[in-house]
Amino acid sequence: MALSTEFIPVKSDSQIFQMAYEEWVGVLAQLWTCIGKPVEADRLRIYCDQLKKLPLGLLEASIAKLMMENTWLTVPPVGAIWQAVRHELRDPYDLEIALEAWQPQITHRQ
């Protein structure tokens, strides 16, 4: 089997950040999609601002929990998302410390 000599373009840090941010926002947008409503840009912007501390994995787990438990055709308020986050973190005494501990350690490329 011959090795491919096809060039794979390397993405810049800003491109990677943008792709990750779009994925993060897409997780939030599921709250509208799962109840069959169009995403409200202004409201989504507020949710993004209020939840910006959450890493993707924790956001995904919290949103999945909310979607399984939401029995109304409404988008849960930001406070309900924070309750789901607290549940995922096992109801910590200090949410800020728990969020910092949840963050993976970031290493820089040399």
PDB file of N, CA and C in Angstrom:
ATOM      1  N   MET A   1       0.844  -1.167   0.000  1.00  0.00           N
ATOM      2  CA  MET A   1       0.000   0.000   0.000  1.00  0.00           C
ATOM      3  C   MET A   1       0.897   1.239   0.000  1.00  0.00           C
ATOM      4  N   ALA A   2       0.658   2.113  -0.935  1.00  0.00           N
ATOM      5  CA  ALA A   2       1.458   3.328  -1.047  1.00  0.00           C
ATOM      6  C   ALA A   2       0.923   4.397  -0.103  1.00  0.00           C
ATOM      7  N   LEU A   3       1.842   5.167   0.451  1.00  0.00           N
ATOM      8  CA  LEU A   3       1.453   6.274   1.320  1.00  0.00           C
ATOM      9  C   LEU A   3       0.973   7.441   0.473  1.00  0.00           C
ATOM     10  N   SER A   4      -0.033   8.106   0.942  1.00  0.00           N
ATOM     11  CA  SER A   4      -0.567   9.249   0.223  1.00  0.00           C
ATOM     12  C   SER A   4       0.373  10.437   0.392  1.00  0.00           C
ATOM     13  N   THR A   5       0.604  11.123  -0.688  1.00  0.00           N
ATOM     14  CA  THR A   5       1.434  12.325  -0.637  1.00  0.00           C
ATOM     15  C   THR A   5       0.568  13.571  -0.673  1.00  0.00           C
ATOM     16  N   GLU A   6      -0.732  13.371  -0.502  1.00  0.00           N
ATOM     17  CA  GLU A   6      -1.663  14.493  -0.520  1.00  0.00           C
ATOM     18  C   GLU A   6      -1.398  15.408   0.669  1.00  0.00           C
ATOM     19  N   PHE A   7      -1.370  16.688   0.404  1.00  0.00           N
ATOM     20  CA  PHE A   7      -1.114  17.681   1.442  1.00  0.00           C
ATOM     21  C   PHE A   7      -2.372  17.907   2.273  1.00  0.00           C
ATOM     22  N   ILE A   8      -2.235  17.840   3.576  1.00  0.00           N
ATOM     23  CA  ILE A   8      -3.342  18.129   4.482  1.00  0.00           C
ATOM     24  C   ILE A   8      -3.097  19.517   5.058  1.00  0.00           C
ATOM     25  N   PRO A   9      -3.978  20.470   4.743  1.00  0.00           N
ATOM     26  CA  PRO A   9      -3.748  21.837   5.223  1.00  0.00           C
ATOM     27  C   PRO A   9      -3.837  21.918   6.740  1.00  0.00           C
ATOM     28  N   VAL A  10      -2.957  22.707   7.313  1.00  0.00           N
ATOM     29  CA  VAL A  10      -2.935  22.914   8.752  1.00  0.00           C
ATOM     30  C   VAL A  10      -3.780  24.140   9.062  1.00  0.00           C
ATOM     31  N   LYS A  11      -4.652  24.008  10.021  1.00  0.00           N
ATOM     32  CA  LYS A  11      -5.520  25.119  10.393  1.00  0.00           C
ATOM     33  C   LYS A  11      -4.807  26.007  11.415  1.00  0.00           C
ATOM     34  N   SER A  12      -5.082  27.295  11.322  1.00  0.00           N
ATOM     35  CA  SER A  12      -4.501  28.238  12.276  1.00  0.00           C
ATOM     36  C   SER A  12      -5.246  28.116  13.608  1.00  0.00           C
ATOM     37  N   ASP A  13      -4.653  28.659  14.655  1.00  0.00           N
ATOM     38  CA  ASP A  13      -5.299  28.646  15.964  1.00  0.00           C
ATOM     39  C   ASP A  13      -6.641  29.359  15.924  1.00  0.00           C
ATOM     40  N   SER A  14      -6.732  30.452  15.185  1.00  0.00           N
ATOM     41  CA  SER A  14      -8.000  31.178  15.119  1.00  0.00           C
ATOM     42  C   SER A  14      -9.062  30.363  14.373  1.00  0.00           C
ATOM     43  N   GLN A  15      -8.656  29.614  13.350  1.00  0.00           N
ATOM     44  CA  GLN A  15      -9.606  28.751  12.640  1.00  0.00           C
ATOM     45  C   GLN A  15     -10.103  27.627  13.557  1.00  0.00           C
ATOM     46  N   ILE A  16      -9.189  27.056  14.319  1.00  0.00           N
ATOM     47  CA  ILE A  16      -9.557  25.994  15.253  1.00  0.00           C
ATOM     48  C   ILE A  16     -10.496  26.542  16.314  1.00  0.00           C
ATOM     49  N   PHE A  17     -10.192  27.727  16.839  1.00  0.00           N
ATOM     50  CA  PHE A  17     -11.055  28.361  17.834  1.00  0.00           C
ATOM     51  C   PHE A  17     -12.441  28.600  17.255  1.00  0.00           C
ATOM     52  N   GLN A  18     -12.514  29.116  16.029  1.00  0.00           N
ATOM     53  CA  GLN A  18     -13.798  29.405  15.396  1.00  0.00           C
ATOM     54  C   GLN A  18     -14.615  28.128  15.205  1.00  0.00           C
ATOM     55  N   MET A  19     -13.965  27.055  14.779  1.00  0.00           N
ATOM     56  CA  MET A  19     -14.658  25.786  14.600  1.00  0.00           C
ATOM     57  C   MET A  19     -15.182  25.250  15.934  1.00  0.00           C
ATOM     58  N   ALA A  20     -14.363  25.355  16.972  1.00  0.00           N
ATOM     59  CA  ALA A  20     -14.778  24.895  18.300  1.00  0.00           C
ATOM     60  C   ALA A  20     -15.935  25.737  18.826  1.00  0.00           C
ATOM     61  N   TYR A  21     -15.869  27.047  18.599  1.00  0.00           N
ATOM     62  CA  TYR A  21     -16.937  27.939  19.049  1.00  0.00           C
ATOM     63  C   TYR A  21     -18.246  27.623  18.325  1.00  0.00           C
ATOM     64  N   GLU A  22     -18.172  27.363  17.039  1.00  0.00           N
ATOM     65  CA  GLU A  22     -19.373  27.014  16.278  1.00  0.00           C
ATOM     66  C   GLU A  22     -19.984  25.709  16.789  1.00  0.00           C
ATOM     67  N   GLU A  23     -19.141  24.759  17.145  1.00  0.00           N
ATOM     68  CA  GLU A  23     -19.641  23.499  17.707  1.00  0.00           C
ATOM     69  C   GLU A  23     -20.304  23.763  19.060  1.00  0.00           C
ATOM     70  N   TRP A  24     -19.681  24.594  19.887  1.00  0.00           N
ATOM     71  CA  TRP A  24     -20.214  24.944  21.209  1.00  0.00           C
ATOM     72  C   TRP A  24     -21.584  25.610  21.069  1.00  0.00           C
ATOM     73  N   VAL A  25     -21.695  26.590  20.161  1.00  0.00           N
ATOM     74  CA  VAL A  25     -22.971  27.280  19.928  1.00  0.00           C
ATOM     75  C   VAL A  25     -24.012  26.301  19.375  1.00  0.00           C
ATOM     76  N   GLY A  26     -23.573  25.380  18.546  1.00  0.00           N
ATOM     77  CA  GLY A  26     -24.480  24.375  18.000  1.00  0.00           C
ATOM     78  C   GLY A  26     -25.102  23.501  19.079  1.00  0.00           C
ATOM     79  N   VAL A  27     -24.335  23.223  20.128  1.00  0.00           N
ATOM     80  CA  VAL A  27     -24.874  22.453  21.252  1.00  0.00           C
ATOM     81  C   VAL A  27     -26.004  23.237  21.910  1.00  0.00           C
ATOM     82  N   LEU A  28     -25.795  24.527  22.125  1.00  0.00           N
ATOM     83  CA  LEU A  28     -26.845  25.368  22.707  1.00  0.00           C
ATOM     84  C   LEU A  28     -28.069  25.446  21.796  1.00  0.00           C
ATOM     85  N   ALA A  29     -27.838  25.550  20.505  1.00  0.00           N
ATOM     86  CA  ALA A  29     -28.938  25.680  19.547  1.00  0.00           C
ATOM     87  C   ALA A  29     -29.841  24.447  19.548  1.00  0.00           C
ATOM     88  N   GLN A  30     -29.339  23.318  20.032  1.00  0.00           N
ATOM     89  CA  GLN A  30     -30.162  22.115  20.125  1.00  0.00           C
ATOM     90  C   GLN A  30     -31.394  22.344  20.990  1.00  0.00           C
ATOM     91  N   LEU A  31     -31.313  23.273  21.940  1.00  0.00           N
ATOM     92  CA  LEU A  31     -32.453  23.557  22.811  1.00  0.00           C
ATOM     93  C   LEU A  31     -33.657  24.039  22.011  1.00  0.00           C
ATOM     94  N   TRP A  32     -33.416  24.767  20.932  1.00  0.00           N
ATOM     95  CA  TRP A  32     -34.496  25.233  20.064  1.00  0.00           C
ATOM     96  C   TRP A  32     -34.910  24.125  19.098  1.00  0.00           C
ATOM     97  N   THR A  33     -33.909  23.483  18.509  1.00  0.00           N
ATOM     98  CA  THR A  33     -34.161  22.462  17.503  1.00  0.00           C
ATOM     99  C   THR A  33     -34.995  21.314  18.065  1.00  0.00           C
ATOM    100  N   CYS A  34     -34.707  20.895  19.286  1.00  0.00           N
ATOM    101  CA  CYS A  34     -35.387  19.715  19.834  1.00  0.00           C
ATOM    102  C   CYS A  34     -36.864  19.976  20.131  1.00  0.00           C
ATOM    103  N   ILE A  35     -37.273  21.239  20.206  1.00  0.00           N
ATOM    104  CA  ILE A  35     -38.689  21.528  20.419  1.00  0.00           C
ATOM    105  C   ILE A  35     -39.346  22.071  19.146  1.00  0.00           C
ATOM    106  N   GLY A  36     -38.590  22.045  18.048  1.00  0.00           N
ATOM    107  CA  GLY A  36     -39.147  22.432  16.756  1.00  0.00           C
ATOM    108  C   GLY A  36     -39.345  23.924  16.577  1.00  0.00           C
ATOM    109  N   LYS A  37     -38.521  24.723  17.240  1.00  0.00           N
ATOM    110  CA  LYS A  37     -38.635  26.177  17.109  1.00  0.00           C
ATOM    111  C   LYS A  37     -37.384  26.731  16.437  1.00  0.00           C
ATOM    112  N   PRO A  38     -37.523  27.819  15.710  1.00  0.00           N
ATOM    113  CA  PRO A  38     -36.331  28.430  15.104  1.00  0.00           C
ATOM    114  C   PRO A  38     -35.448  29.047  16.190  1.00  0.00           C
ATOM    115  N   VAL A  39     -34.166  29.008  15.941  1.00  0.00           N
ATOM    116  CA  VAL A  39     -33.212  29.595  16.889  1.00  0.00           C
ATOM    117  C   VAL A  39     -33.389  31.112  16.885  1.00  0.00           C
ATOM    118  N   GLU A  40     -33.528  31.675  18.054  1.00  0.00           N
ATOM    119  CA  GLU A  40     -33.675  33.120  18.205  1.00  0.00           C
ATOM    120  C   GLU A  40     -32.281  33.704  18.440  1.00  0.00           C
ATOM    121  N   ALA A  41     -31.778  34.451  17.477  1.00  0.00           N
ATOM    122  CA  ALA A  41     -30.399  34.945  17.527  1.00  0.00           C
ATOM    123  C   ALA A  41     -30.114  35.781  18.772  1.00  0.00           C
ATOM    124  N   ASP A  42     -31.016  36.700  19.112  1.00  0.00           N
ATOM    125  CA  ASP A  42     -30.779  37.553  20.289  1.00  0.00           C
ATOM    126  C   ASP A  42     -30.728  36.736  21.571  1.00  0.00           C
ATOM    127  N   ARG A  43     -31.656  35.800  21.682  1.00  0.00           N
ATOM    128  CA  ARG A  43     -31.698  34.968  22.885  1.00  0.00           C
ATOM    129  C   ARG A  43     -30.486  34.044  22.942  1.00  0.00           C
ATOM    130  N   LEU A  44     -30.098  33.488  21.800  1.00  0.00           N
ATOM    131  CA  LEU A  44     -28.917  32.621  21.751  1.00  0.00           C
ATOM    132  C   LEU A  44     -27.675  33.405  22.167  1.00  0.00           C
ATOM    133  N   ARG A  45     -27.570  34.649  21.733  1.00  0.00           N
ATOM    134  CA  ARG A  45     -26.433  35.495  22.109  1.00  0.00           C
ATOM    135  C   ARG A  45     -26.369  35.671  23.629  1.00  0.00           C
ATOM    136  N   ILE A  46     -27.530  35.871  24.255  1.00  0.00           N
ATOM    137  CA  ILE A  46     -27.583  36.015  25.716  1.00  0.00           C
ATOM    138  C   ILE A  46     -27.144  34.714  26.388  1.00  0.00           C
ATOM    139  N   TYR A  47     -27.640  33.591  25.889  1.00  0.00           N
ATOM    140  CA  TYR A  47     -27.254  32.295  26.450  1.00  0.00           C
ATOM    141  C   TYR A  47     -25.744  32.091  26.325  1.00  0.00           C
ATOM    142  N   CYS A  48     -25.189  32.425  25.163  1.00  0.00           N
ATOM    143  CA  CYS A  48     -23.741  32.282  24.963  1.00  0.00           C
ATOM    144  C   CYS A  48     -22.969  33.123  25.964  1.00  0.00           C
ATOM    145  N   ASP A  49     -23.415  34.340  26.174  1.00  0.00           N
ATOM    146  CA  ASP A  49     -22.739  35.227  27.112  1.00  0.00           C
ATOM    147  C   ASP A  49     -22.826  34.696  28.540  1.00  0.00           C
ATOM    148  N   GLN A  50     -23.989  34.221  28.936  1.00  0.00           N
ATOM    149  CA  GLN A  50     -24.193  33.766  30.311  1.00  0.00           C
ATOM    150  C   GLN A  50     -23.546  32.405  30.604  1.00  0.00           C
ATOM    151  N   LEU A  51     -23.256  31.641  29.573  1.00  0.00           N
ATOM    152  CA  LEU A  51     -22.726  30.288  29.760  1.00  0.00           C
ATOM    153  C   LEU A  51     -21.295  30.138  29.251  1.00  0.00           C
ATOM    154  N   LYS A  52     -20.645  31.246  28.932  1.00  0.00           N
ATOM    155  CA  LYS A  52     -19.331  31.189  28.277  1.00  0.00           C
ATOM    156  C   LYS A  52     -18.241  30.498  29.089  1.00  0.00           C
ATOM    157  N   LYS A  53     -18.443  30.325  30.372  1.00  0.00           N
ATOM    158  CA  LYS A  53     -17.445  29.652  31.214  1.00  0.00           C
ATOM    159  C   LYS A  53     -17.441  28.137  31.037  1.00  0.00           C
ATOM    160  N   LEU A  54     -18.497  27.616  30.420  1.00  0.00           N
ATOM    161  CA  LEU A  54     -18.647  26.162  30.348  1.00  0.00           C
ATOM    162  C   LEU A  54     -17.835  25.544  29.221  1.00  0.00           C
ATOM    163  N   PRO A  55     -17.030  24.539  29.535  1.00  0.00           N
ATOM    164  CA  PRO A  55     -16.333  23.807  28.475  1.00  0.00           C
ATOM    165  C   PRO A  55     -17.330  22.949  27.695  1.00  0.00           C
ATOM    166  N   LEU A  56     -16.985  22.631  26.475  1.00  0.00           N
ATOM    167  CA  LEU A  56     -17.881  21.927  25.561  1.00  0.00           C
ATOM    168  C   LEU A  56     -18.444  20.640  26.160  1.00  0.00           C
ATOM    169  N   GLY A  57     -17.605  19.795  26.701  1.00  0.00           N
ATOM    170  CA  GLY A  57     -18.076  18.503  27.228  1.00  0.00           C
ATOM    171  C   GLY A  57     -19.097  18.650  28.334  1.00  0.00           C
ATOM    172  N   LEU A  58     -18.881  19.599  29.221  1.00  0.00           N
ATOM    173  CA  LEU A  58     -19.820  19.837  30.317  1.00  0.00           C
ATOM    174  C   LEU A  58     -21.113  20.441  29.787  1.00  0.00           C
ATOM    175  N   LEU A  59     -21.008  21.334  28.814  1.00  0.00           N
ATOM    176  CA  LEU A  59     -22.196  21.907  28.189  1.00  0.00           C
ATOM    177  C   LEU A  59     -23.014  20.808  27.511  1.00  0.00           C
ATOM    178  N   GLU A  60     -22.348  19.924  26.764  1.00  0.00           N
ATOM    179  CA  GLU A  60     -23.040  18.830  26.076  1.00  0.00           C
ATOM    180  C   GLU A  60     -23.803  17.950  27.063  1.00  0.00           C
ATOM    181  N   ALA A  61     -23.156  17.569  28.151  1.00  0.00           N
ATOM    182  CA  ALA A  61     -23.798  16.700  29.142  1.00  0.00           C
ATOM    183  C   ALA A  61     -24.998  17.400  29.787  1.00  0.00           C
ATOM    184  N   SER A  62     -24.844  18.676  30.088  1.00  0.00           N
ATOM    185  CA  SER A  62     -25.910  19.434  30.743  1.00  0.00           C
ATOM    186  C   SER A  62     -27.106  19.639  29.807  1.00  0.00           C
ATOM    187  N   ILE A  63     -26.832  19.962  28.556  1.00  0.00           N
ATOM    188  CA  ILE A  63     -27.908  20.165  27.578  1.00  0.00           C
ATOM    189  C   ILE A  63     -28.619  18.843  27.306  1.00  0.00           C
ATOM    190  N   ALA A  64     -27.876  17.755  27.219  1.00  0.00           N
ATOM    191  CA  ALA A  64     -28.497  16.443  27.001  1.00  0.00           C
ATOM    192  C   ALA A  64     -29.442  16.109  28.152  1.00  0.00           C
ATOM    193  N   LYS A  65     -29.021  16.385  29.374  1.00  0.00           N
ATOM    194  CA  LYS A  65     -29.872  16.139  30.541  1.00  0.00           C
ATOM    195  C   LYS A  65     -31.151  16.970  30.443  1.00  0.00           C
ATOM    196  N   LEU A  66     -31.014  18.237  30.110  1.00  0.00           N
ATOM    197  CA  LEU A  66     -32.182  19.105  29.988  1.00  0.00           C
ATOM    198  C   LEU A  66     -33.138  18.630  28.894  1.00  0.00           C
ATOM    199  N   MET A  67     -32.590  18.220  27.764  1.00  0.00           N
ATOM    200  CA  MET A  67     -33.448  17.773  26.661  1.00  0.00           C
ATOM    201  C   MET A  67     -34.216  16.508  27.036  1.00  0.00           C
ATOM    202  N   MET A  68     -33.605  15.633  27.829  1.00  0.00           N
ATOM    203  CA  MET A  68     -34.293  14.415  28.259  1.00  0.00           C
ATOM    204  C   MET A  68     -35.393  14.723  29.268  1.00  0.00           C
ATOM    205  N   GLU A  69     -35.203  15.765  30.071  1.00  0.00           N
ATOM    206  CA  GLU A  69     -36.150  16.056  31.149  1.00  0.00           C
ATOM    207  C   GLU A  69     -37.196  17.111  30.793  1.00  0.00           C
ATOM    208  N   ASN A  70     -36.949  17.906  29.766  1.00  0.00           N
ATOM    209  CA  ASN A  70     -37.872  18.983  29.411  1.00  0.00           C
ATOM    210  C   ASN A  70     -39.117  18.397  28.740  1.00  0.00           C
ATOM    211  N   THR A  71     -40.267  18.599  29.366  1.00  0.00           N
ATOM    212  CA  THR A  71     -41.508  18.060  28.815  1.00  0.00           C
ATOM    213  C   THR A  71     -42.397  19.147  28.219  1.00  0.00           C
ATOM    214  N   TRP A  72     -41.898  20.354  28.176  1.00  0.00           N
ATOM    215  CA  TRP A  72     -42.649  21.483  27.633  1.00  0.00           C
ATOM    216  C   TRP A  72     -42.007  21.937  26.332  1.00  0.00           C
ATOM    217  N   LEU A  73     -42.786  22.528  25.455  1.00  0.00           N
ATOM    218  CA  LEU A  73     -42.252  23.032  24.196  1.00  0.00           C
ATOM    219  C   LEU A  73     -41.729  24.456  24.371  1.00  0.00           C
ATOM    220  N   THR A  74     -40.844  24.603  25.343  1.00  0.00           N
ATOM    221  CA  THR A  74     -40.189  25.887  25.599  1.00  0.00           C
ATOM    222  C   THR A  74     -38.701  25.643  25.776  1.00  0.00           C
ATOM    223  N   VAL A  75     -37.925  26.663  25.478  1.00  0.00           N
ATOM    224  CA  VAL A  75     -36.479  26.590  25.706  1.00  0.00           C
ATOM    225  C   VAL A  75     -36.241  26.846  27.185  1.00  0.00           C
ATOM    226  N   PRO A  76     -35.533  25.945  27.868  1.00  0.00           N
ATOM    227  CA  PRO A  76     -35.272  26.155  29.291  1.00  0.00           C
ATOM    228  C   PRO A  76     -34.478  27.447  29.514  1.00  0.00           C
ATOM    229  N   PRO A  77     -34.749  28.161  30.598  1.00  0.00           N
ATOM    230  CA  PRO A  77     -33.992  29.379  30.876  1.00  0.00           C
ATOM    231  C   PRO A  77     -32.546  29.064  31.266  1.00  0.00           C
ATOM    232  N   VAL A  78     -31.722  30.091  31.234  1.00  0.00           N
ATOM    233  CA  VAL A  78     -30.299  29.939  31.566  1.00  0.00           C
ATOM    234  C   VAL A  78     -30.129  29.301  32.951  1.00  0.00           C
ATOM    235  N   GLY A  79     -30.960  29.708  33.900  1.00  0.00           N
ATOM    236  CA  GLY A  79     -30.868  29.151  35.257  1.00  0.00           C
ATOM    237  C   GLY A  79     -31.049  27.642  35.283  1.00  0.00           C
ATOM    238  N   ALA A  80     -31.920  27.117  34.421  1.00  0.00           N
ATOM    239  CA  ALA A  80     -32.125  25.670  34.351  1.00  0.00           C
ATOM    240  C   ALA A  80     -30.877  24.976  33.815  1.00  0.00           C
ATOM    241  N   ILE A  81     -30.175  25.627  32.902  1.00  0.00           N
ATOM    242  CA  ILE A  81     -28.926  25.056  32.382  1.00  0.00           C
ATOM    243  C   ILE A  81     -27.889  25.015  33.494  1.00  0.00           C
ATOM    244  N   TRP A  82     -27.789  26.096  34.270  1.00  0.00           N
ATOM    245  CA  TRP A  82     -26.839  26.108  35.389  1.00  0.00           C
ATOM    246  C   TRP A  82     -27.198  25.042  36.422  1.00  0.00           C
ATOM    247  N   GLN A  83     -28.490  24.784  36.640  1.00  0.00           N
ATOM    248  CA  GLN A  83     -28.886  23.697  37.545  1.00  0.00           C
ATOM    249  C   GLN A  83     -28.408  22.351  37.003  1.00  0.00           C
ATOM    250  N   ALA A  84     -28.544  22.151  35.697  1.00  0.00           N
ATOM    251  CA  ALA A  84     -28.081  20.907  35.089  1.00  0.00           C
ATOM    252  C   ALA A  84     -26.562  20.782  35.196  1.00  0.00           C
ATOM    253  N   VAL A  85     -25.855  21.896  35.059  1.00  0.00           N
ATOM    254  CA  VAL A  85     -24.395  21.903  35.224  1.00  0.00           C
ATOM    255  C   VAL A  85     -24.049  21.489  36.649  1.00  0.00           C
ATOM    256  N   ARG A  86     -24.714  22.096  37.625  1.00  0.00           N
ATOM    257  CA  ARG A  86     -24.468  21.736  39.029  1.00  0.00           C
ATOM    258  C   ARG A  86     -24.717  20.245  39.249  1.00  0.00           C
ATOM    259  N   HIS A  87     -25.766  19.714  38.631  1.00  0.00           N
ATOM    260  CA  HIS A  87     -26.065  18.290  38.763  1.00  0.00           C
ATOM    261  C   HIS A  87     -24.926  17.453  38.184  1.00  0.00           C
ATOM    262  N   GLU A  88     -24.448  17.828  37.003  1.00  0.00           N
ATOM    263  CA  GLU A  88     -23.343  17.095  36.371  1.00  0.00           C
ATOM    264  C   GLU A  88     -22.080  17.130  37.228  1.00  0.00           C
ATOM    265  N   LEU A  89     -21.883  18.233  37.940  1.00  0.00           N
ATOM    266  CA  LEU A  89     -20.700  18.389  38.794  1.00  0.00           C
ATOM    267  C   LEU A  89     -20.939  17.853  40.202  1.00  0.00           C
ATOM    268  N   ARG A  90     -22.057  17.205  40.414  1.00  0.00           N
ATOM    269  CA  ARG A  90     -22.431  16.613  41.708  1.00  0.00           C
ATOM    270  C   ARG A  90     -22.669  17.671  42.781  1.00  0.00           C
ATOM    271  N   ASP A  91     -23.324  18.766  42.382  1.00  0.00           N
ATOM    272  CA  ASP A  91     -23.744  19.854  43.263  1.00  0.00           C
ATOM    273  C   ASP A  91     -22.606  20.351  44.164  1.00  0.00           C
ATOM    274  N   PRO A  92     -21.593  20.934  43.552  1.00  0.00           N
ATOM    275  CA  PRO A  92     -20.442  21.391  44.343  1.00  0.00           C
ATOM    276  C   PRO A  92     -20.791  22.585  45.230  1.00  0.00           C
ATOM    277  N   TYR A  93     -20.055  22.718  46.321  1.00  0.00           N
ATOM    278  CA  TYR A  93     -20.220  23.861  47.212  1.00  0.00           C
ATOM    279  C   TYR A  93     -19.824  25.146  46.489  1.00  0.00           C
ATOM    280  N   ASP A  94     -18.701  25.085  45.772  1.00  0.00           N
ATOM    281  CA  ASP A  94     -18.198  26.254  45.045  1.00  0.00           C
ATOM    282  C   ASP A  94     -18.145  25.925  43.553  1.00  0.00           C
ATOM    283  N   LEU A  95     -19.075  26.485  42.803  1.00  0.00           N
ATOM    284  CA  LEU A  95     -19.178  26.191  41.379  1.00  0.00           C
ATOM    285  C   LEU A  95     -17.935  26.634  40.607  1.00  0.00           C
ATOM    286  N   GLU A  96     -17.364  27.784  40.950  1.00  0.00           N
ATOM    287  CA  GLU A  96     -16.176  28.287  40.253  1.00  0.00           C
ATOM    288  C   GLU A  96     -15.004  27.306  40.384  1.00  0.00           C
ATOM    289  N   ILE A  97     -14.765  26.799  41.580  1.00  0.00           N
ATOM    290  CA  ILE A  97     -13.670  25.844  41.797  1.00  0.00           C
ATOM    291  C   ILE A  97     -13.947  24.551  41.040  1.00  0.00           C
ATOM    292  N   ALA A  98     -15.195  24.101  41.060  1.00  0.00           N
ATOM    293  CA  ALA A  98     -15.554  22.864  40.352  1.00  0.00           C
ATOM    294  C   ALA A  98     -15.358  23.020  38.844  1.00  0.00           C
ATOM    295  N   LEU A  99     -15.703  24.190  38.303  1.00  0.00           N
ATOM    296  CA  LEU A  99     -15.499  24.429  36.865  1.00  0.00           C
ATOM    297  C   LEU A  99     -14.021  24.429  36.514  1.00  0.00           C
ATOM    298  N   GLU A 100     -13.198  25.053  37.359  1.00  0.00           N
ATOM    299  CA  GLU A 100     -11.753  25.064  37.105  1.00  0.00           C
ATOM    300  C   GLU A 100     -11.180  23.656  37.153  1.00  0.00           C
ATOM    301  N   ALA A 101     -11.645  22.854  38.100  1.00  0.00           N
ATOM    302  CA  ALA A 101     -11.154  21.480  38.220  1.00  0.00           C
ATOM    303  C   ALA A 101     -11.597  20.630  37.043  1.00  0.00           C
ATOM    304  N   TRP A 102     -12.750  20.942  36.462  1.00  0.00           N
ATOM    305  CA  TRP A 102     -13.282  20.181  35.340  1.00  0.00           C
ATOM    306  C   TRP A 102     -12.509  20.456  34.063  1.00  0.00           C
ATOM    307  N   GLN A 103     -11.944  21.646  33.943  1.00  0.00           N
ATOM    308  CA  GLN A 103     -11.213  22.034  32.732  1.00  0.00           C
ATOM    309  C   GLN A 103     -10.003  21.128  32.546  1.00  0.00           C
ATOM    310  N   PRO A 104      -9.811  20.625  31.346  1.00  0.00           N
ATOM    311  CA  PRO A 104      -8.601  19.840  31.094  1.00  0.00           C
ATOM    312  C   PRO A 104      -7.367  20.741  31.127  1.00  0.00           C
ATOM    313  N   GLN A 105      -6.256  20.147  31.484  1.00  0.00           N
ATOM    314  CA  GLN A 105      -5.009  20.903  31.490  1.00  0.00           C
ATOM    315  C   GLN A 105      -4.585  21.163  30.058  1.00  0.00           C
ATOM    316  N   ILE A 106      -4.263  22.393  29.759  1.00  0.00           N
ATOM    317  CA  ILE A 106      -3.878  22.778  28.399  1.00  0.00           C
ATOM    318  C   ILE A 106      -2.355  22.857  28.330  1.00  0.00           C
ATOM    319  N   THR A 107      -1.812  22.207  27.331  1.00  0.00           N
ATOM    320  CA  THR A 107      -0.375  22.294  27.109  1.00  0.00           C
ATOM    321  C   THR A 107      -0.141  23.030  25.803  1.00  0.00           C
ATOM    322  N   HIS A 108       0.913  23.792  25.751  1.00  0.00           N
ATOM    323  CA  HIS A 108       1.233  24.557  24.554  1.00  0.00           C
ATOM    324  C   HIS A 108       2.224  23.784  23.700  1.00  0.00           C
ATOM    325  N   ARG A 109       2.027  23.937  22.389  1.00  0.00           N
ATOM    326  CA  ARG A 109       2.971  23.304  21.459  1.00  0.00           C
ATOM    327  C   ARG A 109       4.275  24.063  21.478  1.00  0.00           C
ATOM    328  N   GLN A 110       5.333  23.345  21.340  1.00  0.00           N
ATOM    329  CA  GLN A 110       6.666  23.970  21.321  1.00  0.00           C
ATOM    330  C   GLN A 110       6.982  24.492  19.943  1.00  0.00           C
TER     331      GLN A 110
END
